[in-house]
Amino acid sequence: MADKKIGEYYAPPPKMGKWEGFKKFLWNSETSQCLGRTGSSWAKILLFYIIFYAALTGFFAAIFTVFYTTLDNEKPKWMLDNGLIGSNPGLGFRPMPPEANVESTLVWYESSKEDNYKYWVDETARFLKSYEDLEKQNQVNCSFEHPPPPGKVCGIDVGSFAPCTFDKNFGYHVARPCIFLKLNKIYNWVPEIYNDSKTLPNEMPEELKQHIKEKQSLRPNETNVVWVSCEGENPADVENIKARDYYPRMGFPRYYFPFQNIQGYIPPIVAVQFTVETGVLINIECKAWARNINHDRSERRGSVHFELMVD
């Protein structure tokens, strides 16, 4: 409150208690001020902030509108080598260890105890169920002779992974666990297939080379596959893997590519059933093989690593 003028001097305001001063701050009947401002002052401040925030909201709305006009809901703006993902797909495996061990890649269980291996069976079943629950309206049955027509995608028959099925516990009860492999999706990536046994890379495992040669001589139309191989990483690991079988085939058929975000698309998967030495920790590396897939163990490009231990 302004001091009162007495002659040529100003007198200080009368002293008031804290409560009286606070009440006068809330409403001063002498000056018609609320919280130290008159009604017109409050109206000017309110009008200023309404205009300020309206302009700010309009500015950001315009920025986001311009930004979203540059995006396509069906495909990424930057693809393959121009994008962050690049053009070298990675390989993944299922089932994964519990979330409590999120950084672990160890599949470890006792085959003689159902409550011990039950987690791995249920986790694998949950993974396959996600394939069964997907929208199937655009899915068709495909083969090497009959790829999907435009606008359609290939389906997956979960029964084709037998004996890696739920009713057989995916082999976990007999120390022959099934590990499912999948190739990561990259929009518009087209694999360059190894379908000629004369041009196979030297580093490709001999087992896979022999398999391709047999396919080429007996069923040449079934060599359009992104091949898969699983090997022990060290000599001791190789010895401890007694056998491995691939279902329904040793790789991902070419007719599943490219991924173009068509509704109903599901990435192909391969089941690998391992027969291993029990009581031993085994390091396993699986690789996908195509001319445009490069392998880098340190960055896990084109490959995946996991450990397997069956007690």
C-alpha atoms as a PDB file:
ATOM      1  CA  MET A   1       0.000   0.000   0.000  1.00  0.00           C
ATOM      2  CA  ALA A   2       1.326   3.412  -0.934  1.00  0.00           C
ATOM      3  CA  ASP A   3       2.586   5.615   1.834  1.00  0.00           C
ATOM      4  CA  LYS A   4       0.375   8.583   2.779  1.00  0.00           C
ATOM      5  CA  LYS A   5       1.730  12.009   1.896  1.00  0.00           C
ATOM      6  CA  ILE A   6       1.828  14.541   4.746  1.00  0.00           C
ATOM      7  CA  GLY A   7       2.922  17.913   3.489  1.00  0.00           C
ATOM      8  CA  GLU A   8       6.117  17.376   1.598  1.00  0.00           C
ATOM      9  CA  TYR A   9       6.878  14.094   3.317  1.00  0.00           C
ATOM     10  CA  TYR A  10       5.567  10.542   3.097  1.00  0.00           C
ATOM     11  CA  ALA A  11       4.508   8.715   6.168  1.00  0.00           C
ATOM     12  CA  PRO A  12       5.075   4.934   6.400  1.00  0.00           C
ATOM     13  CA  PRO A  13       1.996   2.702   6.338  1.00  0.00           C
ATOM     14  CA  PRO A  14       0.557   1.749   9.660  1.00  0.00           C
ATOM     15  CA  LYS A  15       1.982  -1.348  11.222  1.00  0.00           C
ATOM     16  CA  MET A  16      -0.187  -4.439  10.958  1.00  0.00           C
ATOM     17  CA  GLY A  17       0.060  -7.950  12.248  1.00  0.00           C
ATOM     18  CA  LYS A  18       1.000 -10.840   9.976  1.00  0.00           C
ATOM     19  CA  TRP A  19      -2.550 -12.080   9.621  1.00  0.00           C
ATOM     20  CA  GLU A  20      -3.939  -8.604   8.932  1.00  0.00           C
ATOM     21  CA  GLY A  21      -1.202  -7.976   6.368  1.00  0.00           C
ATOM     22  CA  PHE A  22      -1.934 -11.253   4.649  1.00  0.00           C
ATOM     23  CA  LYS A  23      -5.685 -10.512   4.480  1.00  0.00           C
ATOM     24  CA  LYS A  24      -4.956  -7.098   3.033  1.00  0.00           C
ATOM     25  CA  PHE A  25      -2.659  -8.732   0.436  1.00  0.00           C
ATOM     26  CA  LEU A  26      -5.475 -11.043  -0.581  1.00  0.00           C
ATOM     27  CA  TRP A  27      -7.925  -8.159  -0.937  1.00  0.00           C
ATOM     28  CA  ASN A  28      -7.225  -4.490  -0.448  1.00  0.00           C
ATOM     29  CA  SER A  29     -10.569  -2.702  -0.280  1.00  0.00           C
ATOM     30  CA  GLU A  30      -8.929   0.729  -0.419  1.00  0.00           C
ATOM     31  CA  THR A  31      -7.256   0.124  -3.802  1.00  0.00           C
ATOM     32  CA  SER A  32      -9.483  -2.723  -5.056  1.00  0.00           C
ATOM     33  CA  GLN A  33      -6.396  -4.939  -5.475  1.00  0.00           C
ATOM     34  CA  CYS A  34      -6.345  -8.722  -5.294  1.00  0.00           C
ATOM     35  CA  LEU A  35      -2.971 -10.299  -4.644  1.00  0.00           C
ATOM     36  CA  GLY A  36      -1.357  -6.944  -5.275  1.00  0.00           C
ATOM     37  CA  ARG A  37      -3.008  -6.305  -8.654  1.00  0.00           C
ATOM     38  CA  THR A  38      -6.115  -4.582  -9.856  1.00  0.00           C
ATOM     39  CA  GLY A  39      -8.710  -6.324 -12.011  1.00  0.00           C
ATOM     40  CA  SER A  40      -7.506  -4.614 -15.186  1.00  0.00           C
ATOM     41  CA  SER A  41      -3.902  -5.657 -14.435  1.00  0.00           C
ATOM     42  CA  TRP A  42      -4.963  -9.267 -14.002  1.00  0.00           C
ATOM     43  CA  ALA A  43      -6.966  -9.139 -17.242  1.00  0.00           C
ATOM     44  CA  LYS A  44      -3.957  -7.817 -19.183  1.00  0.00           C
ATOM     45  CA  ILE A  45      -1.668 -10.555 -17.795  1.00  0.00           C
ATOM     46  CA  LEU A  46      -4.231 -13.253 -18.522  1.00  0.00           C
ATOM     47  CA  LEU A  47      -4.716 -12.008 -22.083  1.00  0.00           C
ATOM     48  CA  PHE A  48      -0.941 -11.898 -22.612  1.00  0.00           C
ATOM     49  CA  TYR A  49      -0.419 -15.517 -21.523  1.00  0.00           C
ATOM     50  CA  ILE A  50      -3.405 -16.768 -23.540  1.00  0.00           C
ATOM     51  CA  ILE A  51      -1.942 -15.205 -26.686  1.00  0.00           C
ATOM     52  CA  PHE A  52       1.605 -16.367 -25.805  1.00  0.00           C
ATOM     53  CA  TYR A  53       0.710 -20.027 -25.221  1.00  0.00           C
ATOM     54  CA  ALA A  54      -1.678 -20.095 -28.162  1.00  0.00           C
ATOM     55  CA  ALA A  55       1.127 -18.888 -30.427  1.00  0.00           C
ATOM     56  CA  LEU A  56       3.542 -21.406 -28.881  1.00  0.00           C
ATOM     57  CA  THR A  57       1.059 -24.255 -29.369  1.00  0.00           C
ATOM     58  CA  GLY A  58       0.392 -23.215 -32.953  1.00  0.00           C
ATOM     59  CA  PHE A  59       4.117 -23.054 -33.681  1.00  0.00           C
ATOM     60  CA  PHE A  60       4.801 -26.592 -32.421  1.00  0.00           C
ATOM     61  CA  ALA A  61       1.657 -27.910 -34.116  1.00  0.00           C
ATOM     62  CA  ALA A  62       2.890 -26.503 -37.427  1.00  0.00           C
ATOM     63  CA  ILE A  63       6.357 -28.004 -36.895  1.00  0.00           C
ATOM     64  CA  PHE A  64       4.923 -31.472 -36.150  1.00  0.00           C
ATOM     65  CA  THR A  65       2.528 -31.225 -39.093  1.00  0.00           C
ATOM     66  CA  VAL A  66       5.406 -30.528 -41.449  1.00  0.00           C
ATOM     67  CA  PHE A  67       7.452 -33.322 -39.839  1.00  0.00           C
ATOM     68  CA  TYR A  68       4.717 -35.953 -40.171  1.00  0.00           C
ATOM     69  CA  THR A  69       4.155 -35.108 -43.840  1.00  0.00           C
ATOM     70  CA  THR A  70       7.666 -36.440 -44.471  1.00  0.00           C
ATOM     71  CA  LEU A  71       6.866 -39.849 -42.905  1.00  0.00           C
ATOM     72  CA  ASP A  72       5.270 -42.889 -44.509  1.00  0.00           C
ATOM     73  CA  ASN A  73       3.277 -45.261 -42.304  1.00  0.00           C
ATOM     74  CA  GLU A  74       3.986 -48.155 -44.650  1.00  0.00           C
ATOM     75  CA  LYS A  75       7.736 -47.919 -45.075  1.00  0.00           C
ATOM     76  CA  PRO A  76      10.744 -46.148 -43.525  1.00  0.00           C
ATOM     77  CA  LYS A  77      12.103 -43.030 -45.162  1.00  0.00           C
ATOM     78  CA  TRP A  78      15.685 -44.297 -45.011  1.00  0.00           C
ATOM     79  CA  MET A  79      16.197 -47.908 -46.061  1.00  0.00           C
ATOM     80  CA  LEU A  80      18.985 -50.473 -46.216  1.00  0.00           C
ATOM     81  CA  ASP A  81      22.431 -48.831 -46.269  1.00  0.00           C
ATOM     82  CA  ASN A  82      20.890 -45.363 -45.892  1.00  0.00           C
ATOM     83  CA  GLY A  83      19.189 -46.287 -42.622  1.00  0.00           C
ATOM     84  CA  LEU A  84      20.468 -46.897 -39.101  1.00  0.00           C
ATOM     85  CA  ILE A  85      19.673 -50.627 -39.282  1.00  0.00           C
ATOM     86  CA  GLY A  86      21.713 -51.094 -42.442  1.00  0.00           C
ATOM     87  CA  SER A  87      21.445 -53.967 -44.881  1.00  0.00           C
ATOM     88  CA  ASN A  88      23.052 -56.761 -42.877  1.00  0.00           C
ATOM     89  CA  PRO A  89      20.384 -58.683 -40.922  1.00  0.00           C
ATOM     90  CA  GLY A  90      21.101 -60.199 -37.548  1.00  0.00           C
ATOM     91  CA  LEU A  91      20.030 -63.577 -36.249  1.00  0.00           C
ATOM     92  CA  GLY A  92      17.983 -64.148 -33.104  1.00  0.00           C
ATOM     93  CA  PHE A  93      17.117 -67.220 -31.043  1.00  0.00           C
ATOM     94  CA  ARG A  94      14.244 -68.404 -28.868  1.00  0.00           C
ATOM     95  CA  PRO A  95      13.562 -69.282 -26.096  1.00  0.00           C
ATOM     96  CA  MET A  96      15.343 -66.518 -24.217  1.00  0.00           C
ATOM     97  CA  PRO A  97      16.484 -66.803 -20.585  1.00  0.00           C
ATOM     98  CA  PRO A  98      14.266 -65.285 -17.849  1.00  0.00           C
ATOM     99  CA  GLU A  99      14.027 -61.483 -17.675  1.00  0.00           C
ATOM    100  CA  ALA A 100      15.944 -61.551 -14.400  1.00  0.00           C
ATOM    101  CA  ASN A 101      18.949 -62.635 -16.500  1.00  0.00           C
ATOM    102  CA  VAL A 102      18.269 -60.223 -19.340  1.00  0.00           C
ATOM    103  CA  GLU A 103      21.908 -60.133 -20.460  1.00  0.00           C
ATOM    104  CA  SER A 104      22.341 -63.903 -20.334  1.00  0.00           C
ATOM    105  CA  THR A 105      22.284 -66.175 -23.391  1.00  0.00           C
ATOM    106  CA  LEU A 106      22.490 -69.419 -21.416  1.00  0.00           C
ATOM    107  CA  VAL A 107      19.909 -72.171 -21.872  1.00  0.00           C
ATOM    108  CA  TRP A 108      20.439 -74.360 -18.801  1.00  0.00           C
ATOM    109  CA  TYR A 109      18.105 -76.976 -17.315  1.00  0.00           C
ATOM    110  CA  GLU A 110      17.814 -80.520 -15.929  1.00  0.00           C
ATOM    111  CA  SER A 111      16.080 -82.855 -18.347  1.00  0.00           C
ATOM    112  CA  SER A 112      14.964 -85.234 -15.573  1.00  0.00           C
ATOM    113  CA  LYS A 113      12.984 -82.558 -13.697  1.00  0.00           C
ATOM    114  CA  GLU A 114       9.809 -81.299 -15.339  1.00  0.00           C
ATOM    115  CA  ASP A 115       9.543 -78.257 -13.101  1.00  0.00           C
ATOM    116  CA  ASN A 116      13.083 -77.331 -14.136  1.00  0.00           C
ATOM    117  CA  TYR A 117      12.643 -77.490 -17.913  1.00  0.00           C
ATOM    118  CA  LYS A 118       9.008 -76.298 -17.865  1.00  0.00           C
ATOM    119  CA  TYR A 119      10.045 -72.644 -18.237  1.00  0.00           C
ATOM    120  CA  TRP A 120      11.832 -73.349 -21.525  1.00  0.00           C
ATOM    121  CA  VAL A 121       8.894 -75.348 -22.899  1.00  0.00           C
ATOM    122  CA  ASP A 122       6.383 -72.647 -21.956  1.00  0.00           C
ATOM    123  CA  GLU A 123       8.567 -69.850 -23.299  1.00  0.00           C
ATOM    124  CA  THR A 124       8.965 -71.641 -26.643  1.00  0.00           C
ATOM    125  CA  ALA A 125       5.225 -72.314 -26.816  1.00  0.00           C
ATOM    126  CA  ARG A 126       4.537 -68.638 -26.101  1.00  0.00           C
ATOM    127  CA  PHE A 127       6.859 -67.630 -28.921  1.00  0.00           C
ATOM    128  CA  LEU A 128       5.129 -69.933 -31.422  1.00  0.00           C
ATOM    129  CA  LYS A 129       1.680 -68.830 -30.247  1.00  0.00           C
ATOM    130  CA  SER A 130       2.533 -65.289 -31.302  1.00  0.00           C
ATOM    131  CA  TYR A 131       2.789 -66.667 -34.847  1.00  0.00           C
ATOM    132  CA  GLU A 132      -0.557 -68.416 -34.600  1.00  0.00           C
ATOM    133  CA  ASP A 133      -2.329 -65.342 -33.209  1.00  0.00           C
ATOM    134  CA  LEU A 134      -1.312 -63.022 -36.041  1.00  0.00           C
ATOM    135  CA  GLU A 135      -3.832 -61.829 -38.595  1.00  0.00           C
ATOM    136  CA  LYS A 136      -3.906 -64.403 -41.388  1.00  0.00           C
ATOM    137  CA  GLN A 137      -6.155 -62.703 -43.929  1.00  0.00           C
ATOM    138  CA  ASN A 138      -3.238 -61.906 -46.260  1.00  0.00           C
ATOM    139  CA  GLN A 139      -1.384 -65.176 -45.724  1.00  0.00           C
ATOM    140  CA  VAL A 140      -1.208 -67.877 -48.365  1.00  0.00           C
ATOM    141  CA  ASN A 141       0.469 -71.272 -48.566  1.00  0.00           C
ATOM    142  CA  CYS A 142       3.749 -70.829 -50.399  1.00  0.00           C
ATOM    143  CA  SER A 143       6.285 -73.125 -51.999  1.00  0.00           C
ATOM    144  CA  PHE A 144       9.388 -72.703 -54.130  1.00  0.00           C
ATOM    145  CA  GLU A 145       7.193 -73.099 -57.226  1.00  0.00           C
ATOM    146  CA  HIS A 146       4.424 -70.832 -55.888  1.00  0.00           C
ATOM    147  CA  PRO A 147       5.714 -67.648 -54.196  1.00  0.00           C
ATOM    148  CA  PRO A 148       3.156 -65.219 -52.756  1.00  0.00           C
ATOM    149  CA  PRO A 149       1.258 -63.016 -55.241  1.00  0.00           C
ATOM    150  CA  PRO A 150       1.469 -59.215 -54.888  1.00  0.00           C
ATOM    151  CA  GLY A 151      -0.142 -57.983 -51.692  1.00  0.00           C
ATOM    152  CA  LYS A 152       0.048 -61.408 -50.032  1.00  0.00           C
ATOM    153  CA  VAL A 153       2.533 -62.994 -47.624  1.00  0.00           C
ATOM    154  CA  CYS A 154       3.521 -66.542 -46.770  1.00  0.00           C
ATOM    155  CA  GLY A 155       2.156 -68.245 -43.692  1.00  0.00           C
ATOM    156  CA  ILE A 156       3.943 -70.686 -41.396  1.00  0.00           C
ATOM    157  CA  ASP A 157       2.675 -74.105 -40.403  1.00  0.00           C
ATOM    158  CA  VAL A 158       3.779 -74.647 -36.797  1.00  0.00           C
ATOM    159  CA  GLY A 159       3.315 -78.387 -37.321  1.00  0.00           C
ATOM    160  CA  SER A 160       6.160 -78.382 -39.838  1.00  0.00           C
ATOM    161  CA  PHE A 161       8.672 -78.129 -36.978  1.00  0.00           C
ATOM    162  CA  ALA A 162       7.935 -81.676 -35.741  1.00  0.00           C
ATOM    163  CA  PRO A 163       9.435 -83.184 -33.626  1.00  0.00           C
ATOM    164  CA  CYS A 164      10.009 -79.703 -32.169  1.00  0.00           C
ATOM    165  CA  THR A 165       6.428 -79.390 -30.948  1.00  0.00           C
ATOM    166  CA  PHE A 166       4.689 -78.651 -27.662  1.00  0.00           C
ATOM    167  CA  ASP A 167       3.282 -82.168 -27.245  1.00  0.00           C
ATOM    168  CA  LYS A 168       6.872 -83.444 -27.313  1.00  0.00           C
ATOM    169  CA  ASN A 169       8.104 -80.737 -24.937  1.00  0.00           C
ATOM    170  CA  PHE A 170      10.288 -79.396 -27.741  1.00  0.00           C
ATOM    171  CA  GLY A 171      12.739 -82.163 -26.843  1.00  0.00           C
ATOM    172  CA  TYR A 172      13.668 -80.727 -23.453  1.00  0.00           C
ATOM    173  CA  HIS A 173      12.590 -83.817 -21.521  1.00  0.00           C
ATOM    174  CA  VAL A 174      14.970 -86.089 -23.460  1.00  0.00           C
ATOM    175  CA  ALA A 175      18.025 -83.800 -23.486  1.00  0.00           C
ATOM    176  CA  ARG A 176      17.427 -82.895 -27.145  1.00  0.00           C
ATOM    177  CA  PRO A 177      16.349 -79.245 -26.868  1.00  0.00           C
ATOM    178  CA  CYS A 178      14.934 -77.325 -29.825  1.00  0.00           C
ATOM    179  CA  ILE A 179      16.214 -73.798 -30.384  1.00  0.00           C
ATOM    180  CA  PHE A 180      14.304 -71.606 -32.844  1.00  0.00           C
ATOM    181  CA  LEU A 181      16.183 -69.176 -35.069  1.00  0.00           C
ATOM    182  CA  LYS A 182      14.772 -66.144 -36.836  1.00  0.00           C
ATOM    183  CA  LEU A 183      16.244 -63.552 -39.160  1.00  0.00           C
ATOM    184  CA  ASN A 184      15.677 -59.936 -38.175  1.00  0.00           C
ATOM    185  CA  LYS A 185      13.382 -57.943 -40.453  1.00  0.00           C
ATOM    186  CA  ILE A 186      14.902 -55.285 -42.709  1.00  0.00           C
ATOM    187  CA  TYR A 187      12.524 -53.444 -45.016  1.00  0.00           C
ATOM    188  CA  ASN A 188      13.008 -54.283 -48.704  1.00  0.00           C
ATOM    189  CA  TRP A 189      16.074 -56.442 -48.077  1.00  0.00           C
ATOM    190  CA  VAL A 190      16.433 -59.152 -50.717  1.00  0.00           C
ATOM    191  CA  PRO A 191      18.864 -62.024 -50.041  1.00  0.00           C
ATOM    192  CA  GLU A 192      21.414 -62.990 -52.651  1.00  0.00           C
ATOM    193  CA  ILE A 193      21.232 -66.761 -52.439  1.00  0.00           C
ATOM    194  CA  TYR A 194      24.039 -69.325 -52.468  1.00  0.00           C
ATOM    195  CA  ASN A 195      22.411 -71.800 -54.867  1.00  0.00           C
ATOM    196  CA  ASP A 196      25.478 -72.955 -56.764  1.00  0.00           C
ATOM    197  CA  SER A 197      27.773 -75.440 -54.987  1.00  0.00           C
ATOM    198  CA  LYS A 198      30.708 -74.229 -57.094  1.00  0.00           C
ATOM    199  CA  THR A 199      30.665 -70.716 -55.647  1.00  0.00           C
ATOM    200  CA  LEU A 200      30.273 -71.430 -51.928  1.00  0.00           C
ATOM    201  CA  PRO A 201      32.582 -69.504 -49.555  1.00  0.00           C
ATOM    202  CA  ASN A 202      35.508 -71.349 -48.009  1.00  0.00           C
ATOM    203  CA  GLU A 203      34.434 -70.528 -44.461  1.00  0.00           C
ATOM    204  CA  MET A 204      31.055 -72.215 -44.902  1.00  0.00           C
ATOM    205  CA  PRO A 205      30.815 -75.435 -42.810  1.00  0.00           C
ATOM    206  CA  GLU A 206      31.398 -78.646 -44.763  1.00  0.00           C
ATOM    207  CA  GLU A 207      28.097 -80.080 -43.536  1.00  0.00           C
ATOM    208  CA  LEU A 208      26.206 -77.188 -45.116  1.00  0.00           C
ATOM    209  CA  LYS A 209      28.242 -77.346 -48.312  1.00  0.00           C
ATOM    210  CA  GLN A 210      27.398 -81.020 -48.692  1.00  0.00           C
ATOM    211  CA  HIS A 211      23.737 -80.318 -48.022  1.00  0.00           C
ATOM    212  CA  ILE A 212      23.621 -77.656 -50.755  1.00  0.00           C
ATOM    213  CA  LYS A 213      25.332 -80.014 -53.220  1.00  0.00           C
ATOM    214  CA  GLU A 214      22.751 -82.707 -52.531  1.00  0.00           C
ATOM    215  CA  LYS A 215      19.884 -80.266 -52.913  1.00  0.00           C
ATOM    216  CA  GLN A 216      21.356 -78.938 -56.145  1.00  0.00           C
ATOM    217  CA  SER A 217      21.573 -82.416 -57.666  1.00  0.00           C
ATOM    218  CA  LEU A 218      18.256 -83.798 -56.368  1.00  0.00           C
ATOM    219  CA  ARG A 219      15.962 -80.757 -55.934  1.00  0.00           C
ATOM    220  CA  PRO A 220      17.591 -77.714 -57.541  1.00  0.00           C
ATOM    221  CA  ASN A 221      14.436 -75.626 -57.157  1.00  0.00           C
ATOM    222  CA  GLU A 222      14.749 -75.913 -53.360  1.00  0.00           C
ATOM    223  CA  THR A 223      18.135 -74.217 -53.144  1.00  0.00           C
ATOM    224  CA  ASN A 224      16.671 -70.696 -53.028  1.00  0.00           C
ATOM    225  CA  VAL A 225      17.247 -70.526 -49.294  1.00  0.00           C
ATOM    226  CA  VAL A 226      19.040 -68.256 -46.840  1.00  0.00           C
ATOM    227  CA  TRP A 227      21.020 -71.118 -45.355  1.00  0.00           C
ATOM    228  CA  VAL A 228      21.611 -71.616 -41.627  1.00  0.00           C
ATOM    229  CA  SER A 229      24.392 -73.448 -39.809  1.00  0.00           C
ATOM    230  CA  CYS A 230      25.013 -74.026 -36.098  1.00  0.00           C
ATOM    231  CA  GLU A 231      28.466 -75.005 -34.868  1.00  0.00           C
ATOM    232  CA  GLY A 232      30.392 -75.248 -31.633  1.00  0.00           C
ATOM    233  CA  GLU A 233      32.585 -72.183 -31.224  1.00  0.00           C
ATOM    234  CA  ASN A 234      35.624 -74.084 -29.917  1.00  0.00           C
ATOM    235  CA  PRO A 235      37.027 -77.578 -30.641  1.00  0.00           C
ATOM    236  CA  ALA A 236      35.698 -78.851 -27.304  1.00  0.00           C
ATOM    237  CA  ASP A 237      32.242 -77.447 -28.115  1.00  0.00           C
ATOM    238  CA  VAL A 238      32.271 -79.173 -31.508  1.00  0.00           C
ATOM    239  CA  GLU A 239      33.005 -82.531 -29.843  1.00  0.00           C
ATOM    240  CA  ASN A 240      30.209 -82.090 -27.309  1.00  0.00           C
ATOM    241  CA  ILE A 241      27.545 -81.547 -29.976  1.00  0.00           C
ATOM    242  CA  LYS A 242      26.592 -85.085 -30.986  1.00  0.00           C
ATOM    243  CA  ALA A 243      24.023 -84.122 -33.608  1.00  0.00           C
ATOM    244  CA  ARG A 244      21.829 -81.269 -34.801  1.00  0.00           C
ATOM    245  CA  ASP A 245      18.759 -81.457 -37.004  1.00  0.00           C
ATOM    246  CA  TYR A 246      17.007 -78.611 -38.787  1.00  0.00           C
ATOM    247  CA  TYR A 247      13.231 -78.347 -39.238  1.00  0.00           C
ATOM    248  CA  PRO A 248      11.525 -77.912 -41.624  1.00  0.00           C
ATOM    249  CA  ARG A 249      14.713 -77.185 -43.606  1.00  0.00           C
ATOM    250  CA  MET A 250      18.232 -75.891 -43.179  1.00  0.00           C
ATOM    251  CA  GLY A 251      17.390 -72.238 -43.696  1.00  0.00           C
ATOM    252  CA  PHE A 252      14.820 -69.573 -44.597  1.00  0.00           C
ATOM    253  CA  PRO A 253      13.114 -69.906 -48.013  1.00  0.00           C
ATOM    254  CA  ARG A 254      13.597 -67.058 -50.470  1.00  0.00           C
ATOM    255  CA  TYR A 255       9.839 -66.590 -50.925  1.00  0.00           C
ATOM    256  CA  TYR A 256       9.565 -64.967 -47.473  1.00  0.00           C
ATOM    257  CA  PHE A 257      11.568 -61.993 -48.717  1.00  0.00           C
ATOM    258  CA  PRO A 258      11.525 -59.052 -49.042  1.00  0.00           C
ATOM    259  CA  PHE A 259       9.716 -57.760 -45.968  1.00  0.00           C
ATOM    260  CA  GLN A 260       7.494 -54.853 -47.103  1.00  0.00           C
ATOM    261  CA  ASN A 261       5.264 -54.347 -44.069  1.00  0.00           C
ATOM    262  CA  ILE A 262       2.307 -56.115 -45.645  1.00  0.00           C
ATOM    263  CA  GLN A 263      -0.342 -56.941 -43.052  1.00  0.00           C
ATOM    264  CA  GLY A 264      -0.019 -60.508 -41.801  1.00  0.00           C
ATOM    265  CA  TYR A 265       3.708 -60.840 -42.537  1.00  0.00           C
ATOM    266  CA  ILE A 266       5.641 -63.113 -40.184  1.00  0.00           C
ATOM    267  CA  PRO A 267       9.406 -63.656 -40.386  1.00  0.00           C
ATOM    268  CA  PRO A 268      10.411 -67.252 -41.159  1.00  0.00           C
ATOM    269  CA  ILE A 269      11.880 -69.421 -38.403  1.00  0.00           C
ATOM    270  CA  VAL A 270      13.972 -72.568 -38.272  1.00  0.00           C
ATOM    271  CA  ALA A 271      13.995 -75.105 -35.450  1.00  0.00           C
ATOM    272  CA  VAL A 272      17.368 -76.657 -34.619  1.00  0.00           C
ATOM    273  CA  GLN A 273      17.278 -79.728 -32.385  1.00  0.00           C
ATOM    274  CA  PHE A 274      20.552 -80.361 -30.600  1.00  0.00           C
ATOM    275  CA  THR A 275      21.747 -83.666 -29.187  1.00  0.00           C
ATOM    276  CA  VAL A 276      24.511 -82.745 -26.757  1.00  0.00           C
ATOM    277  CA  GLU A 277      26.768 -84.139 -24.086  1.00  0.00           C
ATOM    278  CA  THR A 278      25.129 -83.625 -20.701  1.00  0.00           C
ATOM    279  CA  GLY A 279      26.747 -81.806 -17.807  1.00  0.00           C
ATOM    280  CA  VAL A 280      28.916 -79.691 -20.110  1.00  0.00           C
ATOM    281  CA  LEU A 281      28.627 -76.014 -21.010  1.00  0.00           C
ATOM    282  CA  ILE A 282      28.611 -75.695 -24.812  1.00  0.00           C
ATOM    283  CA  ASN A 283      29.153 -72.449 -26.718  1.00  0.00           C
ATOM    284  CA  ILE A 284      27.188 -72.425 -29.947  1.00  0.00           C
ATOM    285  CA  GLU A 285      27.253 -69.982 -32.843  1.00  0.00           C
ATOM    286  CA  CYS A 286      24.604 -70.035 -35.565  1.00  0.00           C
ATOM    287  CA  LYS A 287      25.065 -68.173 -38.849  1.00  0.00           C
ATOM    288  CA  ALA A 288      22.828 -67.135 -41.708  1.00  0.00           C
ATOM    289  CA  TRP A 289      24.358 -67.541 -45.163  1.00  0.00           C
ATOM    290  CA  ALA A 290      23.743 -65.352 -48.210  1.00  0.00           C
ATOM    291  CA  ARG A 291      26.052 -63.392 -50.475  1.00  0.00           C
ATOM    292  CA  ASN A 292      24.911 -60.112 -48.927  1.00  0.00           C
ATOM    293  CA  ILE A 293      25.189 -61.263 -45.299  1.00  0.00           C
ATOM    294  CA  ASN A 294      28.511 -60.471 -43.663  1.00  0.00           C
ATOM    295  CA  HIS A 295      29.598 -62.123 -40.423  1.00  0.00           C
ATOM    296  CA  ASP A 296      31.166 -60.263 -37.537  1.00  0.00           C
ATOM    297  CA  ARG A 297      31.387 -62.248 -34.303  1.00  0.00           C
ATOM    298  CA  SER A 298      32.167 -59.208 -32.134  1.00  0.00           C
ATOM    299  CA  GLU A 299      29.109 -57.291 -33.384  1.00  0.00           C
ATOM    300  CA  ARG A 300      26.991 -60.430 -33.981  1.00  0.00           C
ATOM    301  CA  ARG A 301      26.293 -59.443 -37.553  1.00  0.00           C
ATOM    302  CA  GLY A 302      24.662 -62.262 -39.480  1.00  0.00           C
ATOM    303  CA  SER A 303      25.039 -64.618 -36.530  1.00  0.00           C
ATOM    304  CA  VAL A 304      23.906 -65.336 -32.985  1.00  0.00           C
ATOM    305  CA  HIS A 305      25.661 -66.830 -29.978  1.00  0.00           C
ATOM    306  CA  PHE A 306      24.199 -68.758 -27.062  1.00  0.00           C
ATOM    307  CA  GLU A 307      25.284 -71.341 -24.522  1.00  0.00           C
ATOM    308  CA  LEU A 308      23.588 -74.672 -23.941  1.00  0.00           C
ATOM    309  CA  MET A 309      23.928 -76.812 -20.823  1.00  0.00           C
ATOM    310  CA  VAL A 310      21.810 -79.895 -20.111  1.00  0.00           C
ATOM    311  CA  ASP A 311      22.183 -81.661 -16.764  1.00  0.00           C
END
